[in-house]
Amino acid sequence: MSEAAVPPPPDRPADRPGPAELRDPLIRQELKKASVWFALGLAILAIIFLAQPLLLIFGGIVLAAIFDGGTRLLGRVLPIARGWRLLIVVLAAFVFLFGTILFAGVQLTAQAAAFKTTVTAELGRLLALGAAYGLDVPSFDPDQILQQAMGSIGRLTSAVGTAVGVVTNLVMILVIGLFIAVEPRIYERGLAWMLPSDHRAGFYRTSDRMGYTLRRLMAGRLLGMAVEGVGTWLLLMIGGVPMAALLGLLTGILAFLPNIGAIVSGLLIVLIGFSAGVDTGLWAIAVYATVQIVDGYLIVPYVARRTVDLAPALVLGAQLIFGALFGILGLALADPIVALTKAALEQKSEDDAPEVAEP
């Protein structure tokens, strides 16, 4: 027998894979585990570095939900094609926006010119009062405080720190929102196509639930903004509070940010109110309390019952985290993100729950 034909010893089989060979089951298993962790790390890095584009896309989805909700609501009273109803909603939104700018722009500009001076003076008086009572109150520069506040919102705010950046981002959100609102099923089917066939039914159920939640949430948010803005404006004007129109507009805009927006608008209302006297300041406090009670005990509970019940501490925590990480855009979108996440988890829990046979 030749040397080449001699079989290997029993304790050293020739067909056993070595530790560097991919056909070793242990190597394949460990590579799968490593690839999962590597992909997870890449996903986290992608989210960090692509945070702003992702938020812009999500902002477009939120805007599309607003347009789609208005289109569905209009369909209850106007039985025409969806495209025409969407066109009416979009045109109505643009007409309202430009009408507000044109008819109230001059007045609001004049008020805004004195707004900073009044707030600065009232903050100075407040700090002086604190110093008179022995509090260690440092001197402050309003411009420096504003710059520090804007800079501390998040490291990603540099991309939206200029007027050009703000306008560009708003245009991108508007374009994305319009494209999605025109034909949302195309994008839904595209995402479902990338999933395994046995997961597509669950995806469609989750997508429907998240869309329903987002539409209801945005409808309630817009209703709350309108009630707070118009109510604040009218009540402050009745009480003779200066800059009632500007304060009403700011209150309505800040109502999009639950918790934080109410605190900021309330502080501004009280400062401007006391700048015109003690009686006016007390009226401003009463107006703020009345508006917040109506919104907090009537509008918000109604919307919560129709959509998703979010704990206030959860929303505030999400706003602080998203605001610190992703800036103004993250702060504005924290509430919808939390609501959609909860809706998706609830649908997943219902799909995974075992069916109970009826007796």
Protein backbone atom coordinates (compact mmCIF):
# COMPACT_ATOMS: atom_id res chain seq x y z
CA MET A 1 0.00 0.00 0.00
CA SER A 2 1.39 3.39 -0.99
CA GLU A 3 1.89 6.27 1.46
CA ALA A 4 -0.90 8.35 -0.17
CA ALA A 5 -3.43 5.55 0.35
CA VAL A 6 -2.80 5.22 4.08
CA PRO A 7 -5.97 6.40 5.91
CA PRO A 8 -5.58 8.96 8.72
CA PRO A 9 -5.62 7.77 12.32
CA PRO A 10 -9.09 7.42 13.89
CA ASP A 11 -8.46 10.32 16.33
CA ARG A 12 -7.60 12.71 13.44
CA PRO A 13 -10.34 12.41 10.76
CA ALA A 14 -9.54 14.13 7.49
CA ASP A 15 -13.04 15.55 6.94
CA ARG A 16 -13.26 17.46 10.24
CA PRO A 17 -13.35 21.25 9.44
CA GLY A 18 -10.72 23.44 10.98
CA PRO A 19 -11.46 26.50 13.17
CA ALA A 20 -10.85 28.85 10.21
CA GLU A 21 -13.24 27.08 7.83
CA LEU A 22 -16.72 28.53 7.23
CA ARG A 23 -18.25 25.07 6.92
CA ASP A 24 -17.68 24.56 10.63
CA PRO A 25 -21.16 24.86 12.24
CA LEU A 26 -19.69 26.66 15.25
CA ILE A 27 -18.01 29.24 13.01
CA ARG A 28 -21.20 29.82 11.04
CA GLN A 29 -23.22 30.24 14.21
CA GLU A 30 -20.75 32.73 15.70
CA LEU A 31 -20.59 34.67 12.43
CA LYS A 32 -24.37 34.98 12.44
CA LYS A 33 -24.31 36.34 15.97
CA ALA A 34 -21.51 38.75 15.13
CA SER A 35 -23.29 39.94 11.97
CA VAL A 36 -26.44 40.70 13.99
CA TRP A 37 -24.52 42.83 16.50
CA PHE A 38 -22.54 44.48 13.71
CA ALA A 39 -25.74 45.35 11.84
CA LEU A 40 -27.27 46.69 15.04
CA GLY A 41 -24.24 48.91 15.61
CA LEU A 42 -24.41 50.19 12.03
CA ALA A 43 -28.12 50.93 12.47
CA ILE A 44 -27.44 52.93 15.62
CA LEU A 45 -24.68 54.91 13.89
CA ALA A 46 -26.95 55.51 10.89
CA ILE A 47 -29.70 56.83 13.16
CA ILE A 48 -27.23 59.16 14.89
CA PHE A 49 -25.69 60.58 11.74
CA LEU A 50 -28.91 60.55 9.71
CA ALA A 51 -31.11 61.82 12.52
CA GLN A 52 -32.13 65.04 10.83
CA PRO A 53 -33.11 63.50 7.47
CA LEU A 54 -35.05 60.82 9.33
CA LEU A 55 -36.85 63.47 11.37
CA LEU A 56 -37.64 65.42 8.22
CA ILE A 57 -39.15 62.29 6.69
CA PHE A 58 -41.16 61.64 9.85
CA GLY A 59 -42.28 65.28 9.85
CA GLY A 60 -43.51 64.74 6.31
CA ILE A 61 -45.42 61.66 7.48
CA VAL A 62 -47.05 63.71 10.26
CA LEU A 63 -48.03 66.42 7.77
CA ALA A 64 -49.38 63.76 5.40
CA ALA A 65 -51.50 62.40 8.26
CA ILE A 66 -52.95 65.89 8.79
CA PHE A 67 -53.80 66.24 5.10
CA ASP A 68 -55.19 62.71 4.95
CA GLY A 69 -57.30 63.27 8.06
CA GLY A 70 -58.75 66.46 6.59
CA THR A 71 -59.45 64.65 3.32
CA ARG A 72 -61.28 61.83 5.10
CA LEU A 73 -63.27 64.31 7.20
CA LEU A 74 -64.24 66.30 4.12
CA GLY A 75 -65.38 63.10 2.42
CA ARG A 76 -68.19 62.77 4.98
CA VAL A 77 -69.89 65.90 3.66
CA LEU A 78 -68.53 66.14 0.11
CA PRO A 79 -68.75 62.87 -1.85
CA ILE A 80 -66.20 63.61 -4.59
CA ALA A 81 -62.96 61.93 -5.63
CA ARG A 82 -60.21 61.78 -3.02
CA GLY A 83 -57.79 63.77 -5.16
CA TRP A 84 -60.16 66.74 -5.33
CA ARG A 85 -60.82 66.61 -1.60
CA LEU A 86 -57.08 66.55 -0.90
CA LEU A 87 -56.62 69.53 -3.22
CA ILE A 88 -59.31 71.46 -1.33
CA VAL A 89 -57.67 70.69 2.04
CA VAL A 90 -54.19 71.69 0.86
CA LEU A 91 -55.45 74.91 -0.76
CA ALA A 92 -57.45 75.76 2.36
CA ALA A 93 -54.33 75.29 4.49
CA PHE A 94 -52.27 77.55 2.22
CA VAL A 95 -55.01 80.19 2.05
CA PHE A 96 -55.30 80.22 5.85
CA LEU A 97 -51.54 80.45 6.29
CA PHE A 98 -50.99 83.24 3.79
CA GLY A 99 -54.14 85.04 4.90
CA THR A 100 -52.90 85.09 8.47
CA ILE A 101 -49.54 86.45 7.35
CA LEU A 102 -51.04 89.11 5.07
CA PHE A 103 -53.84 90.39 7.31
CA ALA A 104 -52.07 90.15 10.66
CA GLY A 105 -48.45 90.54 9.56
CA VAL A 106 -48.22 94.28 10.06
CA GLN A 107 -49.80 94.22 13.50
CA LEU A 108 -47.79 91.22 14.66
CA THR A 109 -44.56 92.77 13.38
CA ALA A 110 -45.24 95.96 15.30
CA GLN A 111 -46.03 93.98 18.43
CA ALA A 112 -43.02 91.74 18.04
CA ALA A 113 -40.76 94.81 17.93
CA ALA A 114 -41.83 95.74 21.48
CA PHE A 115 -42.16 92.14 22.65
CA LYS A 116 -38.46 91.59 23.35
CA THR A 117 -38.11 94.91 25.17
CA THR A 118 -41.09 94.21 27.40
CA VAL A 119 -40.02 90.66 28.26
CA THR A 120 -36.48 91.82 28.99
CA ALA A 121 -37.70 94.59 31.28
CA GLU A 122 -40.04 92.27 33.16
CA LEU A 123 -37.34 89.64 33.62
CA GLY A 124 -35.05 92.37 34.94
CA ARG A 125 -37.71 93.43 37.44
CA LEU A 126 -38.26 89.83 38.49
CA LEU A 127 -34.55 89.27 39.06
CA ALA A 128 -34.27 92.55 40.93
CA LEU A 129 -37.14 91.47 43.17
CA GLY A 130 -35.38 88.20 43.86
CA ALA A 131 -32.16 90.02 44.70
CA ALA A 132 -34.08 92.32 47.08
CA TYR A 133 -35.19 89.26 49.03
CA GLY A 134 -31.63 88.03 49.37
CA LEU A 135 -31.53 85.58 46.50
CA ASP A 136 -28.21 85.22 44.70
CA VAL A 137 -29.39 86.30 41.26
CA PRO A 138 -26.63 86.87 38.66
CA SER A 139 -26.87 89.53 36.00
CA PHE A 140 -28.00 88.38 32.58
CA ASP A 141 -27.87 89.35 28.94
CA PRO A 142 -31.09 88.38 27.08
CA ASP A 143 -29.30 87.88 23.77
CA GLN A 144 -26.68 85.65 25.40
CA ILE A 145 -29.35 83.62 27.20
CA LEU A 146 -31.24 83.13 23.94
CA GLN A 147 -28.10 81.99 22.12
CA GLN A 148 -27.21 79.58 24.92
CA ALA A 149 -30.74 78.16 24.97
CA MET A 150 -30.75 77.61 21.24
CA GLY A 151 -27.27 76.12 21.34
CA SER A 152 -28.10 73.76 24.17
CA ILE A 153 -31.19 72.33 22.51
CA GLY A 154 -29.07 69.85 20.62
CA ARG A 155 -26.01 69.42 18.53
CA LEU A 156 -28.07 68.87 15.40
CA THR A 157 -29.60 72.35 15.50
CA SER A 158 -26.63 73.72 13.57
CA ALA A 159 -28.21 72.38 10.38
CA VAL A 160 -31.37 74.38 11.02
CA GLY A 161 -29.81 77.35 12.74
CA THR A 162 -30.18 79.76 9.83
CA ALA A 163 -33.29 81.13 8.20
CA VAL A 164 -32.34 79.40 4.96
CA GLY A 165 -32.04 76.07 6.77
CA VAL A 166 -35.42 76.51 8.46
CA VAL A 167 -37.15 77.36 5.19
CA THR A 168 -35.43 74.49 3.39
CA ASN A 169 -36.47 71.98 6.04
CA LEU A 170 -40.06 73.24 6.02
CA VAL A 171 -40.18 72.94 2.24
CA MET A 172 -38.80 69.40 2.40
CA ILE A 173 -41.38 68.40 5.02
CA LEU A 174 -44.13 69.95 2.89
CA VAL A 175 -43.00 68.16 -0.28
CA ILE A 176 -42.66 64.79 1.47
CA GLY A 177 -46.03 65.25 3.15
CA LEU A 178 -47.75 66.09 -0.13
CA PHE A 179 -46.24 63.12 -1.96
CA ILE A 180 -47.26 60.70 0.79
CA ALA A 181 -50.74 62.21 1.14
CA VAL A 182 -51.43 61.94 -2.60
CA GLU A 183 -50.95 58.15 -2.70
CA PRO A 184 -50.12 56.67 0.73
CA ARG A 185 -50.85 53.08 -0.35
CA ILE A 186 -47.86 53.05 -2.71
CA TYR A 187 -45.40 53.55 0.14
CA GLU A 188 -47.28 51.14 2.40
CA ARG A 189 -47.17 48.40 -0.26
CA GLY A 190 -43.49 49.14 -0.90
CA LEU A 191 -42.60 48.60 2.75
CA ALA A 192 -44.74 45.47 2.94
CA TRP A 193 -43.04 44.07 -0.19
CA MET A 194 -39.67 44.11 1.61
CA LEU A 195 -41.05 41.93 4.43
CA PRO A 196 -41.52 38.16 4.39
CA SER A 197 -44.92 37.19 3.03
CA ASP A 198 -46.09 35.71 6.33
CA HIS A 199 -45.43 39.05 8.12
CA ARG A 200 -47.29 41.31 5.68
CA ALA A 201 -50.76 40.87 7.15
CA GLY A 202 -49.48 41.91 10.58
CA PHE A 203 -47.68 44.86 9.01
CA TYR A 204 -50.88 46.08 7.37
CA ARG A 205 -52.78 45.81 10.66
CA THR A 206 -50.05 47.74 12.47
CA SER A 207 -49.88 50.34 9.71
CA ASP A 208 -53.64 50.91 9.82
CA ARG A 209 -53.61 51.30 13.58
CA MET A 210 -50.65 53.69 13.55
CA GLY A 211 -52.26 55.76 10.78
CA TYR A 212 -55.53 55.97 12.70
CA THR A 213 -53.70 56.98 15.88
CA LEU A 214 -51.64 59.64 14.13
CA ARG A 215 -54.65 61.16 12.35
CA ARG A 216 -56.64 61.38 15.56
CA LEU A 217 -53.70 62.71 17.52
CA MET A 218 -53.03 65.46 14.98
CA ALA A 219 -56.72 66.35 14.77
CA GLY A 220 -56.83 66.78 18.53
CA ARG A 221 -53.60 68.73 18.48
CA LEU A 222 -54.89 71.15 15.82
CA LEU A 223 -58.15 71.55 17.75
CA GLY A 224 -56.22 72.32 20.91
CA MET A 225 -54.00 74.82 19.09
CA ALA A 226 -57.04 76.63 17.69
CA VAL A 227 -58.86 76.74 21.03
CA GLU A 228 -55.82 77.93 22.98
CA GLY A 229 -54.71 80.46 20.37
CA VAL A 230 -58.09 82.06 19.65
CA GLY A 231 -59.27 81.82 23.26
CA THR A 232 -56.11 83.40 24.60
CA TRP A 233 -56.25 86.20 22.03
CA LEU A 234 -59.91 87.09 22.71
CA LEU A 235 -59.69 86.89 26.50
CA LEU A 236 -56.45 88.88 26.66
CA MET A 237 -57.92 91.50 24.34
CA ILE A 238 -61.00 91.79 26.57
CA GLY A 239 -58.79 92.30 29.61
CA GLY A 240 -56.65 94.93 27.91
CA VAL A 241 -53.43 92.89 27.95
CA PRO A 242 -50.86 94.32 25.52
CA MET A 243 -49.86 92.32 22.45
CA ALA A 244 -52.92 90.07 22.73
CA ALA A 245 -52.71 89.00 19.08
CA LEU A 246 -49.04 88.06 19.30
CA LEU A 247 -49.55 86.20 22.58
CA GLY A 248 -52.52 84.33 21.11
CA LEU A 249 -50.49 83.33 18.06
CA LEU A 250 -47.54 82.17 20.17
CA THR A 251 -49.85 80.25 22.51
CA GLY A 252 -51.50 78.48 19.59
CA ILE A 253 -48.16 77.55 18.02
CA LEU A 254 -46.64 76.40 21.31
CA ALA A 255 -49.73 74.27 21.99
CA PHE A 256 -48.25 71.80 19.49
CA LEU A 257 -45.70 71.01 22.21
CA PRO A 258 -47.58 69.56 25.20
CA ASN A 259 -46.27 70.43 28.66
CA ILE A 260 -43.27 72.50 27.55
CA GLY A 261 -45.28 74.75 25.23
CA ALA A 262 -47.83 75.50 27.94
CA ILE A 263 -45.09 76.49 30.39
CA VAL A 264 -43.37 78.82 27.93
CA SER A 265 -46.59 80.47 26.74
CA GLY A 266 -47.82 80.89 30.32
CA LEU A 267 -44.59 82.61 31.35
CA LEU A 268 -44.83 85.02 28.41
CA ILE A 269 -48.49 85.80 29.09
CA VAL A 270 -47.85 86.55 32.76
CA LEU A 271 -44.80 88.72 32.06
CA ILE A 272 -46.61 90.80 29.43
CA GLY A 273 -49.69 91.05 31.65
CA PHE A 274 -47.83 92.42 34.65
CA SER A 275 -46.02 94.92 32.42
CA ALA A 276 -49.38 96.75 32.13
CA GLY A 277 -50.18 96.63 35.85
CA VAL A 278 -51.07 94.28 38.66
CA ASP A 279 -54.75 94.00 37.71
CA THR A 280 -53.86 93.18 34.11
CA GLY A 281 -51.30 90.65 35.32
CA LEU A 282 -53.87 88.90 37.50
CA TRP A 283 -56.27 88.84 34.53
CA ALA A 284 -53.52 87.29 32.40
CA ILE A 285 -53.02 84.57 35.02
CA ALA A 286 -56.77 83.88 35.07
CA VAL A 287 -56.86 83.71 31.26
CA TYR A 288 -53.95 81.28 31.16
CA ALA A 289 -55.50 79.08 33.85
CA THR A 290 -58.90 79.06 32.11
CA VAL A 291 -57.46 78.15 28.72
CA GLN A 292 -55.29 75.40 30.15
CA ILE A 293 -58.18 73.94 32.16
CA VAL A 294 -60.40 73.82 29.06
CA ASP A 295 -57.64 72.20 27.03
CA GLY A 296 -56.48 69.86 29.79
CA TYR A 297 -59.85 68.67 31.08
CA LEU A 298 -62.00 68.77 27.94
CA ILE A 299 -59.97 68.56 24.72
CA VAL A 300 -57.03 66.40 25.82
CA PRO A 301 -59.13 63.70 27.58
CA TYR A 302 -61.49 63.50 24.60
CA VAL A 303 -58.59 63.08 22.19
CA ALA A 304 -56.93 60.55 24.50
CA ARG A 305 -60.06 58.42 24.58
CA ARG A 306 -60.27 58.44 20.79
CA THR A 307 -56.58 57.79 20.15
CA VAL A 308 -53.93 56.64 22.63
CA ASP A 309 -53.69 57.53 26.29
CA LEU A 310 -50.20 58.91 26.86
CA ALA A 311 -48.93 59.54 30.36
CA PRO A 312 -47.86 63.20 30.78
CA ALA A 313 -44.55 62.23 32.40
CA LEU A 314 -43.79 59.89 29.48
CA VAL A 315 -44.45 62.65 26.94
CA LEU A 316 -42.40 65.20 28.90
CA GLY A 317 -39.50 62.77 29.26
CA ALA A 318 -39.57 62.01 25.55
CA GLN A 319 -39.61 65.74 24.74
CA LEU A 320 -36.59 66.38 26.95
CA ILE A 321 -34.62 63.50 25.45
CA PHE A 322 -35.52 64.16 21.81
CA GLY A 323 -35.06 67.90 22.28
CA ALA A 324 -31.60 67.43 23.78
CA LEU A 325 -30.55 64.95 21.09
CA PHE A 326 -32.20 66.25 17.94
CA GLY A 327 -33.11 69.88 18.59
CA ILE A 328 -36.32 71.74 17.83
CA LEU A 329 -37.51 69.16 15.31
CA GLY A 330 -37.06 66.32 17.78
CA LEU A 331 -38.90 68.30 20.44
CA ALA A 332 -41.86 68.91 18.12
CA LEU A 333 -42.06 65.28 16.94
CA ALA A 334 -41.49 63.55 20.28
CA ASP A 335 -45.20 63.21 21.04
CA PRO A 336 -46.16 61.59 17.68
CA ILE A 337 -43.17 59.25 17.89
CA VAL A 338 -44.21 58.05 21.36
CA ALA A 339 -47.85 57.66 20.28
CA LEU A 340 -46.94 55.61 17.19
CA THR A 341 -44.51 53.45 19.16
CA LYS A 342 -47.20 52.66 21.72
CA ALA A 343 -49.76 51.91 18.99
CA ALA A 344 -47.33 49.53 17.27
CA LEU A 345 -46.51 47.73 20.52
CA GLU A 346 -50.20 47.38 21.41
CA GLN A 347 -50.96 45.89 17.99
CA LYS A 348 -48.01 43.52 18.34
CA SER A 349 -49.26 42.44 21.74
CA GLU A 350 -52.75 41.77 20.38
CA ASP A 351 -51.36 39.77 17.44
CA ASP A 352 -49.20 37.64 19.76
CA ALA A 353 -51.96 37.04 22.30
CA PRO A 354 -53.35 33.47 22.13
CA GLU A 355 -56.91 33.18 20.92
CA VAL A 356 -59.37 32.07 23.57
CA ALA A 357 -61.88 29.56 22.28
CA GLU A 358 -65.50 30.45 22.95
CA PRO A 359 -67.39 27.96 25.14
